[in-house]
Amino acid sequence: MSADVPAIEVVNNSHEHRYEILRDGALAGFTEYRVRGNRVVFIHTEIDDAFAGQGLAGILARQALDAVAATGATIVPVCPFIASWLRKHPEFEGKVSWDDADRWIAGDHFLSDPVGSDGV
């Protein structure tokens, strides 16, 4: 790899309940999630200001959502960024629960559901 091309990696940090995006080994941002049964609830995404404008949020969203979809879990987009990104990517449509996102926002955090493993 050329020295002028940044190395970008997305990793699941299950201990922190978030997917992280690293640029040249530095934490550039993350999308935080909670696992509830067979649903993965994305609640917050942020990119550090030092890395803004580089398209990293979209890369993070794509790779995190691909990873969750590959497990067969349902994506619940509570985070406004993740919700907006999903609306532009219809290929995820059958893997998303908009109704569950509305329930979560309204305060029903699926408390009756067992908390799943965070190893998505």
PDB file of N, CA and C in Angstrom:
ATOM      1  N   MET A   1       0.841  -1.175   0.000  1.00  0.00           N
ATOM      2  CA  MET A   1       0.000   0.000   0.000  1.00  0.00           C
ATOM      3  C   MET A   1       0.890   1.243   0.000  1.00  0.00           C
ATOM      4  N   SER A   2       0.506   2.214  -0.766  1.00  0.00           N
ATOM      5  CA  SER A   2       1.258   3.458  -0.869  1.00  0.00           C
ATOM      6  C   SER A   2       1.180   4.235   0.440  1.00  0.00           C
ATOM      7  N   ALA A   3       2.254   4.956   0.754  1.00  0.00           N
ATOM      8  CA  ALA A   3       2.305   5.719   2.003  1.00  0.00           C
ATOM      9  C   ALA A   3       1.268   6.833   2.031  1.00  0.00           C
ATOM     10  N   ASP A   4       0.819   7.317   0.867  1.00  0.00           N
ATOM     11  CA  ASP A   4      -0.139   8.419   0.860  1.00  0.00           C
ATOM     12  C   ASP A   4      -1.597   7.948   0.872  1.00  0.00           C
ATOM     13  N   VAL A   5      -1.854   6.641   0.841  1.00  0.00           N
ATOM     14  CA  VAL A   5      -3.203   6.093   0.923  1.00  0.00           C
ATOM     15  C   VAL A   5      -3.435   5.648   2.367  1.00  0.00           C
ATOM     16  N   PRO A   6      -4.410   6.266   3.046  1.00  0.00           N
ATOM     17  CA  PRO A   6      -4.626   5.902   4.445  1.00  0.00           C
ATOM     18  C   PRO A   6      -5.173   4.486   4.588  1.00  0.00           C
ATOM     19  N   ALA A   7      -4.751   3.818   5.634  1.00  0.00           N
ATOM     20  CA  ALA A   7      -5.287   2.502   5.978  1.00  0.00           C
ATOM     21  C   ALA A   7      -6.557   2.724   6.794  1.00  0.00           C
ATOM     22  N   ILE A   8      -7.663   2.183   6.301  1.00  0.00           N
ATOM     23  CA  ILE A   8      -8.948   2.338   6.983  1.00  0.00           C
ATOM     24  C   ILE A   8      -9.448   0.956   7.366  1.00  0.00           C
ATOM     25  N   GLU A   9      -9.839   0.820   8.639  1.00  0.00           N
ATOM     26  CA  GLU A   9     -10.300  -0.463   9.159  1.00  0.00           C
ATOM     27  C   GLU A   9     -11.512  -0.228  10.051  1.00  0.00           C
ATOM     28  N   VAL A  10     -12.512  -1.095   9.927  1.00  0.00           N
ATOM     29  CA  VAL A  10     -13.673  -1.070  10.815  1.00  0.00           C
ATOM     30  C   VAL A  10     -13.626  -2.338  11.653  1.00  0.00           C
ATOM     31  N   VAL A  11     -13.715  -2.162  12.974  1.00  0.00           N
ATOM     32  CA  VAL A  11     -13.655  -3.294  13.902  1.00  0.00           C
ATOM     33  C   VAL A  11     -14.830  -3.230  14.871  1.00  0.00           C
ATOM     34  N   ASN A  12     -15.271  -4.405  15.309  1.00  0.00           N
ATOM     35  CA  ASN A  12     -16.325  -4.483  16.309  1.00  0.00           C
ATOM     36  C   ASN A  12     -15.670  -4.535  17.685  1.00  0.00           C
ATOM     37  N   ASN A  13     -15.822  -3.475  18.460  1.00  0.00           N
ATOM     38  CA  ASN A  13     -15.337  -3.439  19.838  1.00  0.00           C
ATOM     39  C   ASN A  13     -16.523  -3.813  20.727  1.00  0.00           C
ATOM     40  N   SER A  14     -16.738  -5.115  20.890  1.00  0.00           N
ATOM     41  CA  SER A  14     -17.922  -5.590  21.616  1.00  0.00           C
ATOM     42  C   SER A  14     -17.904  -5.191  23.089  1.00  0.00           C
ATOM     43  N   HIS A  15     -16.745  -4.970  23.669  1.00  0.00           N
ATOM     44  CA  HIS A  15     -16.675  -4.535  25.073  1.00  0.00           C
ATOM     45  C   HIS A  15     -17.250  -3.132  25.254  1.00  0.00           C
ATOM     46  N   GLU A  16     -17.110  -2.305  24.240  1.00  0.00           N
ATOM     47  CA  GLU A  16     -17.649  -0.933  24.281  1.00  0.00           C
ATOM     48  C   GLU A  16     -18.992  -0.838  23.563  1.00  0.00           C
ATOM     49  N   HIS A  17     -19.472  -1.941  23.011  1.00  0.00           N
ATOM     50  CA  HIS A  17     -20.745  -1.982  22.270  1.00  0.00           C
ATOM     51  C   HIS A  17     -20.740  -1.006  21.103  1.00  0.00           C
ATOM     52  N   ARG A  18     -19.693  -1.093  20.287  1.00  0.00           N
ATOM     53  CA  ARG A  18     -19.632  -0.186  19.149  1.00  0.00           C
ATOM     54  C   ARG A  18     -18.703  -0.724  18.069  1.00  0.00           C
ATOM     55  N   TYR A  19     -19.024  -0.338  16.852  1.00  0.00           N
ATOM     56  CA  TYR A  19     -18.115  -0.543  15.731  1.00  0.00           C
ATOM     57  C   TYR A  19     -17.262   0.707  15.637  1.00  0.00           C
ATOM     58  N   GLU A  20     -15.979   0.516  15.484  1.00  0.00           N
ATOM     59  CA  GLU A  20     -15.047   1.645  15.413  1.00  0.00           C
ATOM     60  C   GLU A  20     -14.397   1.696  14.042  1.00  0.00           C
ATOM     61  N   ILE A  21     -14.143   2.907  13.568  1.00  0.00           N
ATOM     62  CA  ILE A  21     -13.395   3.072  12.334  1.00  0.00           C
ATOM     63  C   ILE A  21     -12.046   3.678  12.678  1.00  0.00           C
ATOM     64  N   LEU A  22     -11.003   3.029  12.181  1.00  0.00           N
ATOM     65  CA  LEU A  22      -9.634   3.458  12.435  1.00  0.00           C
ATOM     66  C   LEU A  22      -9.032   3.943  11.122  1.00  0.00           C
ATOM     67  N   ARG A  23      -8.372   5.066  11.180  1.00  0.00           N
ATOM     68  CA  ARG A  23      -7.644   5.577  10.015  1.00  0.00           C
ATOM     69  C   ARG A  23      -6.176   5.620  10.392  1.00  0.00           C
ATOM     70  N   ASP A  24      -5.370   4.869   9.695  1.00  0.00           N
ATOM     71  CA  ASP A  24      -3.942   4.746  10.012  1.00  0.00           C
ATOM     72  C   ASP A  24      -3.729   4.394  11.488  1.00  0.00           C
ATOM     73  N   GLY A  25      -4.597   3.530  12.006  1.00  0.00           N
ATOM     74  CA  GLY A  25      -4.479   3.055  13.382  1.00  0.00           C
ATOM     75  C   GLY A  25      -5.082   3.954  14.438  1.00  0.00           C
ATOM     76  N   ALA A  26      -5.508   5.171  14.067  1.00  0.00           N
ATOM     77  CA  ALA A  26      -6.101   6.103  15.028  1.00  0.00           C
ATOM     78  C   ALA A  26      -7.623   5.994  14.999  1.00  0.00           C
ATOM     79  N   LEU A  27      -8.227   6.030  16.179  1.00  0.00           N
ATOM     80  CA  LEU A  27      -9.681   5.991  16.259  1.00  0.00           C
ATOM     81  C   LEU A  27     -10.255   7.259  15.631  1.00  0.00           C
ATOM     82  N   ALA A  28     -11.016   7.078  14.558  1.00  0.00           N
ATOM     83  CA  ALA A  28     -11.597   8.218  13.848  1.00  0.00           C
ATOM     84  C   ALA A  28     -13.066   8.410  14.185  1.00  0.00           C
ATOM     85  N   GLY A  29     -13.725   7.353  14.639  1.00  0.00           N
ATOM     86  CA  GLY A  29     -15.143   7.463  14.972  1.00  0.00           C
ATOM     87  C   GLY A  29     -15.706   6.109  15.351  1.00  0.00           C
ATOM     88  N   PHE A  30     -17.016   6.111  15.625  1.00  0.00           N
ATOM     89  CA  PHE A  30     -17.676   4.873  16.040  1.00  0.00           C
ATOM     90  C   PHE A  30     -19.174   4.985  15.843  1.00  0.00           C
ATOM     91  N   THR A  31     -19.829   3.832  15.806  1.00  0.00           N
ATOM     92  CA  THR A  31     -21.279   3.760  15.876  1.00  0.00           C
ATOM     93  C   THR A  31     -21.620   2.810  17.018  1.00  0.00           C
ATOM     94  N   GLU A  32     -22.351   3.306  17.973  1.00  0.00           N
ATOM     95  CA  GLU A  32     -22.674   2.569  19.194  1.00  0.00           C
ATOM     96  C   GLU A  32     -23.959   1.778  19.009  1.00  0.00           C
ATOM     97  N   TYR A  33     -23.998   0.587  19.583  1.00  0.00           N
ATOM     98  CA  TYR A  33     -25.173  -0.269  19.448  1.00  0.00           C
ATOM     99  C   TYR A  33     -25.497  -0.977  20.757  1.00  0.00           C
ATOM    100  N   ARG A  34     -26.708  -1.512  20.796  1.00  0.00           N
ATOM    101  CA  ARG A  34     -27.144  -2.398  21.869  1.00  0.00           C
ATOM    102  C   ARG A  34     -27.773  -3.615  21.211  1.00  0.00           C
ATOM    103  N   VAL A  35     -27.552  -4.794  21.782  1.00  0.00           N
ATOM    104  CA  VAL A  35     -28.144  -6.017  21.268  1.00  0.00           C
ATOM    105  C   VAL A  35     -29.327  -6.374  22.160  1.00  0.00           C
ATOM    106  N   ARG A  36     -30.476  -6.566  21.521  1.00  0.00           N
ATOM    107  CA  ARG A  36     -31.691  -6.966  22.233  1.00  0.00           C
ATOM    108  C   ARG A  36     -32.303  -8.129  21.470  1.00  0.00           C
ATOM    109  N   GLY A  37     -32.125  -9.328  22.020  1.00  0.00           N
ATOM    110  CA  GLY A  37     -32.618 -10.516  21.331  1.00  0.00           C
ATOM    111  C   GLY A  37     -31.926 -10.648  19.987  1.00  0.00           C
ATOM    112  N   ASN A  38     -32.722 -10.701  18.918  1.00  0.00           N
ATOM    113  CA  ASN A  38     -32.156 -10.828  17.571  1.00  0.00           C
ATOM    114  C   ASN A  38     -32.088  -9.471  16.867  1.00  0.00           C
ATOM    115  N   ARG A  39     -32.125  -8.389  17.646  1.00  0.00           N
ATOM    116  CA  ARG A  39     -32.069  -7.043  17.076  1.00  0.00           C
ATOM    117  C   ARG A  39     -30.806  -6.329  17.540  1.00  0.00           C
ATOM    118  N   VAL A  40     -30.215  -5.572  16.617  1.00  0.00           N
ATOM    119  CA  VAL A  40     -29.077  -4.729  16.955  1.00  0.00           C
ATOM    120  C   VAL A  40     -29.546  -3.290  16.776  1.00  0.00           C
ATOM    121  N   VAL A  41     -29.588  -2.565  17.897  1.00  0.00           N
ATOM    122  CA  VAL A  41     -30.112  -1.207  17.928  1.00  0.00           C
ATOM    123  C   VAL A  41     -28.938  -0.231  17.828  1.00  0.00           C
ATOM    124  N   PHE A  42     -28.856   0.479  16.715  1.00  0.00           N
ATOM    125  CA  PHE A  42     -27.809   1.495  16.546  1.00  0.00           C
ATOM    126  C   PHE A  42     -28.318   2.791  17.160  1.00  0.00           C
ATOM    127  N   ILE A  43     -27.590   3.291  18.179  1.00  0.00           N
ATOM    128  CA  ILE A  43     -28.105   4.434  18.935  1.00  0.00           C
ATOM    129  C   ILE A  43     -27.331   5.731  18.738  1.00  0.00           C
ATOM    130  N   HIS A  44     -26.087   5.656  18.275  1.00  0.00           N
ATOM    131  CA  HIS A  44     -25.308   6.895  18.150  1.00  0.00           C
ATOM    132  C   HIS A  44     -24.101   6.655  17.243  1.00  0.00           C
ATOM    133  N   THR A  45     -23.825   7.634  16.384  1.00  0.00           N
ATOM    134  CA  THR A  45     -22.646   7.570  15.517  1.00  0.00           C
ATOM    135  C   THR A  45     -21.938   8.907  15.581  1.00  0.00           C
ATOM    136  N   GLU A  46     -20.619   8.861  15.644  1.00  0.00           N
ATOM    137  CA  GLU A  46     -19.865  10.112  15.569  1.00  0.00           C
ATOM    138  C   GLU A  46     -18.497   9.883  14.942  1.00  0.00           C
ATOM    139  N   ILE A  47     -18.053  10.917  14.255  1.00  0.00           N
ATOM    140  CA  ILE A  47     -16.721  10.952  13.661  1.00  0.00           C
ATOM    141  C   ILE A  47     -15.989  12.131  14.294  1.00  0.00           C
ATOM    142  N   ASP A  48     -14.768  11.901  14.749  1.00  0.00           N
ATOM    143  CA  ASP A  48     -13.964  12.964  15.336  1.00  0.00           C
ATOM    144  C   ASP A  48     -13.778  14.093  14.320  1.00  0.00           C
ATOM    145  N   ASP A  49     -13.856  15.327  14.796  1.00  0.00           N
ATOM    146  CA  ASP A  49     -13.715  16.497  13.914  1.00  0.00           C
ATOM    147  C   ASP A  49     -12.440  16.454  13.082  1.00  0.00           C
ATOM    148  N   ALA A  50     -11.379  15.891  13.623  1.00  0.00           N
ATOM    149  CA  ALA A  50     -10.108  15.816  12.901  1.00  0.00           C
ATOM    150  C   ALA A  50     -10.203  14.938  11.653  1.00  0.00           C
ATOM    151  N   PHE A  51     -11.250  14.097  11.577  1.00  0.00           N
ATOM    152  CA  PHE A  51     -11.408  13.175  10.455  1.00  0.00           C
ATOM    153  C   PHE A  51     -12.648  13.488   9.617  1.00  0.00           C
ATOM    154  N   ALA A  52     -13.295  14.605   9.890  1.00  0.00           N
ATOM    155  CA  ALA A  52     -14.523  14.973   9.180  1.00  0.00           C
ATOM    156  C   ALA A  52     -14.248  15.217   7.698  1.00  0.00           C
ATOM    157  N   GLY A  53     -15.277  14.982   6.893  1.00  0.00           N
ATOM    158  CA  GLY A  53     -15.191  15.274   5.474  1.00  0.00           C
ATOM    159  C   GLY A  53     -14.411  14.267   4.644  1.00  0.00           C
ATOM    160  N   GLN A  54     -14.111  13.107   5.210  1.00  0.00           N
ATOM    161  CA  GLN A  54     -13.321  12.099   4.499  1.00  0.00           C
ATOM    162  C   GLN A  54     -14.149  10.883   4.076  1.00  0.00           C
ATOM    163  N   GLY A  55     -15.467  10.953   4.301  1.00  0.00           N
ATOM    164  CA  GLY A  55     -16.336   9.838   3.934  1.00  0.00           C
ATOM    165  C   GLY A  55     -16.292   8.669   4.891  1.00  0.00           C
ATOM    166  N   LEU A  56     -15.700   8.868   6.055  1.00  0.00           N
ATOM    167  CA  LEU A  56     -15.530   7.759   6.990  1.00  0.00           C
ATOM    168  C   LEU A  56     -16.841   7.287   7.607  1.00  0.00           C
ATOM    169  N   ALA A  57     -17.786   8.184   7.818  1.00  0.00           N
ATOM    170  CA  ALA A  57     -19.065   7.791   8.416  1.00  0.00           C
ATOM    171  C   ALA A  57     -19.795   6.805   7.512  1.00  0.00           C
ATOM    172  N   GLY A  58     -19.771   7.053   6.221  1.00  0.00           N
ATOM    173  CA  GLY A  58     -20.413   6.139   5.286  1.00  0.00           C
ATOM    174  C   GLY A  58     -19.730   4.779   5.235  1.00  0.00           C
ATOM    175  N   ILE A  59     -18.411   4.772   5.275  1.00  0.00           N
ATOM    176  CA  ILE A  59     -17.658   3.509   5.305  1.00  0.00           C
ATOM    177  C   ILE A  59     -17.995   2.745   6.575  1.00  0.00           C
ATOM    178  N   LEU A  60     -18.030   3.446   7.689  1.00  0.00           N
ATOM    179  CA  LEU A  60     -18.368   2.832   8.972  1.00  0.00           C
ATOM    180  C   LEU A  60     -19.767   2.237   8.930  1.00  0.00           C
ATOM    181  N   ALA A  61     -20.734   3.019   8.453  1.00  0.00           N
ATOM    182  CA  ALA A  61     -22.117   2.529   8.382  1.00  0.00           C
ATOM    183  C   ALA A  61     -22.192   1.281   7.519  1.00  0.00           C
ATOM    184  N   ARG A  62     -21.636   1.325   6.320  1.00  0.00           N
ATOM    185  CA  ARG A  62     -21.694   0.186   5.389  1.00  0.00           C
ATOM    186  C   ARG A  62     -21.122  -1.072   6.031  1.00  0.00           C
ATOM    187  N   GLN A  63     -19.934  -0.963   6.598  1.00  0.00           N
ATOM    188  CA  GLN A  63     -19.287  -2.166   7.122  1.00  0.00           C
ATOM    189  C   GLN A  63     -19.963  -2.690   8.382  1.00  0.00           C
ATOM    190  N   ALA A  64     -20.406  -1.800   9.265  1.00  0.00           N
ATOM    191  CA  ALA A  64     -21.100  -2.237  10.480  1.00  0.00           C
ATOM    192  C   ALA A  64     -22.432  -2.897  10.126  1.00  0.00           C
ATOM    193  N   LEU A  65     -23.187  -2.283   9.221  1.00  0.00           N
ATOM    194  CA  LEU A  65     -24.487  -2.832   8.846  1.00  0.00           C
ATOM    195  C   LEU A  65     -24.337  -4.131   8.056  1.00  0.00           C
ATOM    196  N   ASP A  66     -23.331  -4.214   7.207  1.00  0.00           N
ATOM    197  CA  ASP A  66     -23.056  -5.474   6.506  1.00  0.00           C
ATOM    198  C   ASP A  66     -22.756  -6.587   7.513  1.00  0.00           C
ATOM    199  N   ALA A  67     -21.959  -6.277   8.522  1.00  0.00           N
ATOM    200  CA  ALA A  67     -21.596  -7.280   9.530  1.00  0.00           C
ATOM    201  C   ALA A  67     -22.824  -7.760  10.295  1.00  0.00           C
ATOM    202  N   VAL A  68     -23.681  -6.842  10.680  1.00  0.00           N
ATOM    203  CA  VAL A  68     -24.897  -7.214  11.414  1.00  0.00           C
ATOM    204  C   VAL A  68     -25.827  -8.016  10.505  1.00  0.00           C
ATOM    205  N   ALA A  69     -26.022  -7.555   9.281  1.00  0.00           N
ATOM    206  CA  ALA A  69     -26.902  -8.262   8.348  1.00  0.00           C
ATOM    207  C   ALA A  69     -26.408  -9.687   8.109  1.00  0.00           C
ATOM    208  N   ALA A  70     -25.108  -9.879   8.073  1.00  0.00           N
ATOM    209  CA  ALA A  70     -24.535 -11.204   7.833  1.00  0.00           C
ATOM    210  C   ALA A  70     -24.868 -12.187   8.951  1.00  0.00           C
ATOM    211  N   THR A  71     -25.148 -11.683  10.147  1.00  0.00           N
ATOM    212  CA  THR A  71     -25.501 -12.561  11.266  1.00  0.00           C
ATOM    213  C   THR A  71     -26.970 -12.962  11.234  1.00  0.00           C
ATOM    214  N   GLY A  72     -27.769 -12.281  10.404  1.00  0.00           N
ATOM    215  CA  GLY A  72     -29.202 -12.544  10.360  1.00  0.00           C
ATOM    216  C   GLY A  72     -29.992 -11.710  11.345  1.00  0.00           C
ATOM    217  N   ALA A  73     -29.314 -10.879  12.125  1.00  0.00           N
ATOM    218  CA  ALA A  73     -29.997 -10.011  13.093  1.00  0.00           C
ATOM    219  C   ALA A  73     -30.741  -8.895  12.359  1.00  0.00           C
ATOM    220  N   THR A  74     -31.731  -8.343  13.025  1.00  0.00           N
ATOM    221  CA  THR A  74     -32.492  -7.217  12.503  1.00  0.00           C
ATOM    222  C   THR A  74     -31.824  -5.925  12.936  1.00  0.00           C
ATOM    223  N   ILE A  75     -31.691  -4.997  12.011  1.00  0.00           N
ATOM    224  CA  ILE A  75     -31.104  -3.686  12.282  1.00  0.00           C
ATOM    225  C   ILE A  75     -32.205  -2.743  12.748  1.00  0.00           C
ATOM    226  N   VAL A  76     -31.974  -2.073  13.875  1.00  0.00           N
ATOM    227  CA  VAL A  76     -32.919  -1.093  14.404  1.00  0.00           C
ATOM    228  C   VAL A  76     -32.215   0.260  14.404  1.00  0.00           C
ATOM    229  N   PRO A  77     -32.570   1.149  13.465  1.00  0.00           N
ATOM    230  CA  PRO A  77     -31.848   2.412  13.290  1.00  0.00           C
ATOM    231  C   PRO A  77     -32.408   3.566  14.120  1.00  0.00           C
ATOM    232  N   VAL A  78     -32.018   3.629  15.378  1.00  0.00           N
ATOM    233  CA  VAL A  78     -32.405   4.745  16.244  1.00  0.00           C
ATOM    234  C   VAL A  78     -31.517   5.960  15.964  1.00  0.00           C
ATOM    235  N   CYS A  79     -30.251   5.748  15.713  1.00  0.00           N
ATOM    236  CA  CYS A  79     -29.308   6.824  15.407  1.00  0.00           C
ATOM    237  C   CYS A  79     -29.751   7.540  14.126  1.00  0.00           C
ATOM    238  N   PRO A  80     -29.900   8.870  14.167  1.00  0.00           N
ATOM    239  CA  PRO A  80     -30.333   9.603  12.969  1.00  0.00           C
ATOM    240  C   PRO A  80     -29.415   9.406  11.761  1.00  0.00           C
ATOM    241  N   PHE A  81     -28.112   9.320  11.968  1.00  0.00           N
ATOM    242  CA  PHE A  81     -27.213   9.117  10.840  1.00  0.00           C
ATOM    243  C   PHE A  81     -27.436   7.751  10.202  1.00  0.00           C
ATOM    244  N   ILE A  82     -27.497   6.709  11.020  1.00  0.00           N
ATOM    245  CA  ILE A  82     -27.701   5.356  10.499  1.00  0.00           C
ATOM    246  C   ILE A  82     -29.057   5.277   9.790  1.00  0.00           C
ATOM    247  N   ALA A  83     -30.090   5.875  10.371  1.00  0.00           N
ATOM    248  CA  ALA A  83     -31.411   5.873   9.730  1.00  0.00           C
ATOM    249  C   ALA A  83     -31.361   6.562   8.370  1.00  0.00           C
ATOM    250  N   SER A  84     -30.724   7.714   8.303  1.00  0.00           N
ATOM    251  CA  SER A  84     -30.604   8.446   7.044  1.00  0.00           C
ATOM    252  C   SER A  84     -29.823   7.646   6.013  1.00  0.00           C
ATOM    253  N   TRP A  85     -28.737   7.028   6.439  1.00  0.00           N
ATOM    254  CA  TRP A  85     -27.908   6.241   5.535  1.00  0.00           C
ATOM    255  C   TRP A  85     -28.713   5.066   4.980  1.00  0.00           C
ATOM    256  N   LEU A  86     -29.483   4.399   5.852  1.00  0.00           N
ATOM    257  CA  LEU A  86     -30.282   3.253   5.411  1.00  0.00           C
ATOM    258  C   LEU A  86     -31.354   3.662   4.408  1.00  0.00           C
ATOM    259  N   ARG A  87     -31.926   4.838   4.568  1.00  0.00           N
ATOM    260  CA  ARG A  87     -32.950   5.299   3.623  1.00  0.00           C
ATOM    261  C   ARG A  87     -32.375   5.474   2.215  1.00  0.00           C
ATOM    262  N   LYS A  88     -31.081   5.679   2.121  1.00  0.00           N
ATOM    263  CA  LYS A  88     -30.416   5.847   0.822  1.00  0.00           C
ATOM    264  C   LYS A  88     -29.888   4.521   0.272  1.00  0.00           C
ATOM    265  N   HIS A  89     -30.026   3.443   1.026  1.00  0.00           N
ATOM    266  CA  HIS A  89     -29.484   2.143   0.628  1.00  0.00           C
ATOM    267  C   HIS A  89     -30.567   1.073   0.754  1.00  0.00           C
ATOM    268  N   PRO A  90     -31.449   0.991  -0.235  1.00  0.00           N
ATOM    269  CA  PRO A  90     -32.581   0.061  -0.154  1.00  0.00           C
ATOM    270  C   PRO A  90     -32.188  -1.409  -0.104  1.00  0.00           C
ATOM    271  N   GLU A  91     -30.938  -1.736  -0.386  1.00  0.00           N
ATOM    272  CA  GLU A  91     -30.523  -3.135  -0.336  1.00  0.00           C
ATOM    273  C   GLU A  91     -30.623  -3.714   1.083  1.00  0.00           C
ATOM    274  N   PHE A  92     -30.772  -2.871   2.091  1.00  0.00           N
ATOM    275  CA  PHE A  92     -30.915  -3.336   3.475  1.00  0.00           C
ATOM    276  C   PHE A  92     -32.380  -3.453   3.901  1.00  0.00           C
ATOM    277  N   GLU A  93     -33.306  -3.073   3.039  1.00  0.00           N
ATOM    278  CA  GLU A  93     -34.713  -2.930   3.426  1.00  0.00           C
ATOM    279  C   GLU A  93     -35.279  -4.119   4.192  1.00  0.00           C
ATOM    280  N   GLY A  94     -35.050  -5.328   3.773  1.00  0.00           N
ATOM    281  CA  GLY A  94     -35.617  -6.480   4.467  1.00  0.00           C
ATOM    282  C   GLY A  94     -34.928  -6.810   5.781  1.00  0.00           C
ATOM    283  N   LYS A  95     -33.890  -6.080   6.115  1.00  0.00           N
ATOM    284  CA  LYS A  95     -33.112  -6.361   7.323  1.00  0.00           C
ATOM    285  C   LYS A  95     -33.293  -5.297   8.404  1.00  0.00           C
ATOM    286  N   VAL A  96     -34.201  -4.333   8.158  1.00  0.00           N
ATOM    287  CA  VAL A  96     -34.372  -3.182   9.042  1.00  0.00           C
ATOM    288  C   VAL A  96     -35.769  -3.194   9.654  1.00  0.00           C
ATOM    289  N   SER A  97     -35.857  -2.850  10.933  1.00  0.00           N
ATOM    290  CA  SER A  97     -37.158  -2.682  11.590  1.00  0.00           C
ATOM    291  C   SER A  97     -37.339  -1.221  11.980  1.00  0.00           C
ATOM    292  N   TRP A  98     -38.057  -0.499  11.130  1.00  0.00           N
ATOM    293  CA  TRP A  98     -38.365   0.906  11.424  1.00  0.00           C
ATOM    294  C   TRP A  98     -39.341   1.004  12.592  1.00  0.00           C
ATOM    295  N   ASP A  99     -40.277   0.039  12.704  1.00  0.00           N
ATOM    296  CA  ASP A  99     -41.233   0.050  13.812  1.00  0.00           C
ATOM    297  C   ASP A  99     -40.526  -0.083  15.159  1.00  0.00           C
ATOM    298  N   ASP A 100     -39.529  -0.977  15.232  1.00  0.00           N
ATOM    299  CA  ASP A 100     -38.771  -1.124  16.479  1.00  0.00           C
ATOM    300  C   ASP A 100     -37.995   0.151  16.797  1.00  0.00           C
ATOM    301  N   ALA A 101     -37.489   0.837  15.764  1.00  0.00           N
ATOM    302  CA  ALA A 101     -36.790   2.112  15.997  1.00  0.00           C
ATOM    303  C   ALA A 101     -37.750   3.118  16.610  1.00  0.00           C
ATOM    304  N   ASP A 102     -38.971   3.186  16.081  1.00  0.00           N
ATOM    305  CA  ASP A 102     -39.979   4.104  16.629  1.00  0.00           C
ATOM    306  C   ASP A 102     -40.314   3.738  18.074  1.00  0.00           C
ATOM    307  N   ARG A 103     -40.423   2.435  18.362  1.00  0.00           N
ATOM    308  CA  ARG A 103     -40.715   1.998  19.734  1.00  0.00           C
ATOM    309  C   ARG A 103     -39.581   2.406  20.671  1.00  0.00           C
ATOM    310  N   TRP A 104     -38.337   2.214  20.248  1.00  0.00           N
ATOM    311  CA  TRP A 104     -37.178   2.555  21.077  1.00  0.00           C
ATOM    312  C   TRP A 104     -37.182   4.056  21.373  1.00  0.00           C
ATOM    313  N   ILE A 105     -37.387   4.857  20.344  1.00  0.00           N
ATOM    314  CA  ILE A 105     -37.401   6.312  20.505  1.00  0.00           C
ATOM    315  C   ILE A 105     -38.517   6.733  21.458  1.00  0.00           C
ATOM    316  N   ALA A 106     -39.646   6.013  21.414  1.00  0.00           N
ATOM    317  CA  ALA A 106     -40.778   6.322  22.287  1.00  0.00           C
ATOM    318  C   ALA A 106     -40.547   5.863  23.725  1.00  0.00           C
ATOM    319  N   GLY A 107     -39.454   5.143  23.967  1.00  0.00           N
ATOM    320  CA  GLY A 107     -39.130   4.764  25.341  1.00  0.00           C
ATOM    321  C   GLY A 107     -39.253   3.287  25.646  1.00  0.00           C
ATOM    322  N   ASP A 108     -39.722   2.481  24.695  1.00  0.00           N
ATOM    323  CA  ASP A 108     -39.787   1.042  24.905  1.00  0.00           C
ATOM    324  C   ASP A 108     -38.467   0.448  24.448  1.00  0.00           C
ATOM    325  N   HIS A 109     -37.582   0.196  25.361  1.00  0.00           N
ATOM    326  CA  HIS A 109     -36.244  -0.288  25.032  1.00  0.00           C
ATOM    327  C   HIS A 109     -36.167  -1.804  25.051  1.00  0.00           C
ATOM    328  N   PHE A 110     -37.309  -2.457  24.748  1.00  0.00           N
ATOM    329  CA  PHE A 110     -37.374  -3.912  24.661  1.00  0.00           C
ATOM    330  C   PHE A 110     -36.922  -4.561  25.965  1.00  0.00           C
ATOM    331  N   LEU A 111     -37.336  -3.982  27.088  1.00  0.00           N
ATOM    332  CA  LEU A 111     -36.862  -4.481  28.376  1.00  0.00           C
ATOM    333  C   LEU A 111     -37.306  -5.907  28.644  1.00  0.00           C
ATOM    334  N   SER A 112     -38.369  -6.356  27.972  1.00  0.00           N
ATOM    335  CA  SER A 112     -38.818  -7.730  28.199  1.00  0.00           C
ATOM    336  C   SER A 112     -37.970  -8.733  27.423  1.00  0.00           C
ATOM    337  N   ASP A 113     -37.178  -8.241  26.478  1.00  0.00           N
ATOM    338  CA  ASP A 113     -36.319  -9.116  25.684  1.00  0.00           C
ATOM    339  C   ASP A 113     -35.009  -9.371  26.424  1.00  0.00           C
ATOM    340  N   PRO A 114     -34.496 -10.574  26.307  1.00  0.00           N
ATOM    341  CA  PRO A 114     -33.173 -10.823  26.895  1.00  0.00           C
ATOM    342  C   PRO A 114     -32.111 -10.052  26.121  1.00  0.00           C
ATOM    343  N   VAL A 115     -31.136  -9.587  26.821  1.00  0.00           N
ATOM    344  CA  VAL A 115     -30.008  -8.927  26.170  1.00  0.00           C
ATOM    345  C   VAL A 115     -29.189  -9.995  25.505  1.00  0.00           C
ATOM    346  N   GLY A 116     -28.937  -9.814  24.214  1.00  0.00           N
ATOM    347  CA  GLY A 116     -28.183 -10.811  23.460  1.00  0.00           C
ATOM    348  C   GLY A 116     -26.690 -10.641  23.686  1.00  0.00           C
ATOM    349  N   SER A 117     -25.945 -11.547  23.107  1.00  0.00           N
ATOM    350  CA  SER A 117     -24.495 -11.412  23.194  1.00  0.00           C
ATOM    351  C   SER A 117     -24.068 -10.217  22.375  1.00  0.00           C
ATOM    352  N   ASP A 118     -23.058  -9.547  22.782  1.00  0.00           N
ATOM    353  CA  ASP A 118     -22.597  -8.356  22.076  1.00  0.00           C
ATOM    354  C   ASP A 118     -21.553  -8.695  21.024  1.00  0.00           C
ATOM    355  N   GLY A 119     -21.462  -9.956  20.651  1.00  0.00           N
ATOM    356  CA  GLY A 119     -20.465 -10.360  19.680  1.00  0.00           C
ATOM    357  C   GLY A 119     -20.974 -10.342  18.252  1.00  0.00           C
ATOM    358  N   VAL A 120     -21.801  -9.362  17.911  1.00  0.00           N
ATOM    359  CA  VAL A 120     -22.306  -9.295  16.531  1.00  0.00           C
ATOM    360  C   VAL A 120     -21.229  -8.825  15.594  1.00  0.00           C
TER     361      VAL A 120
END
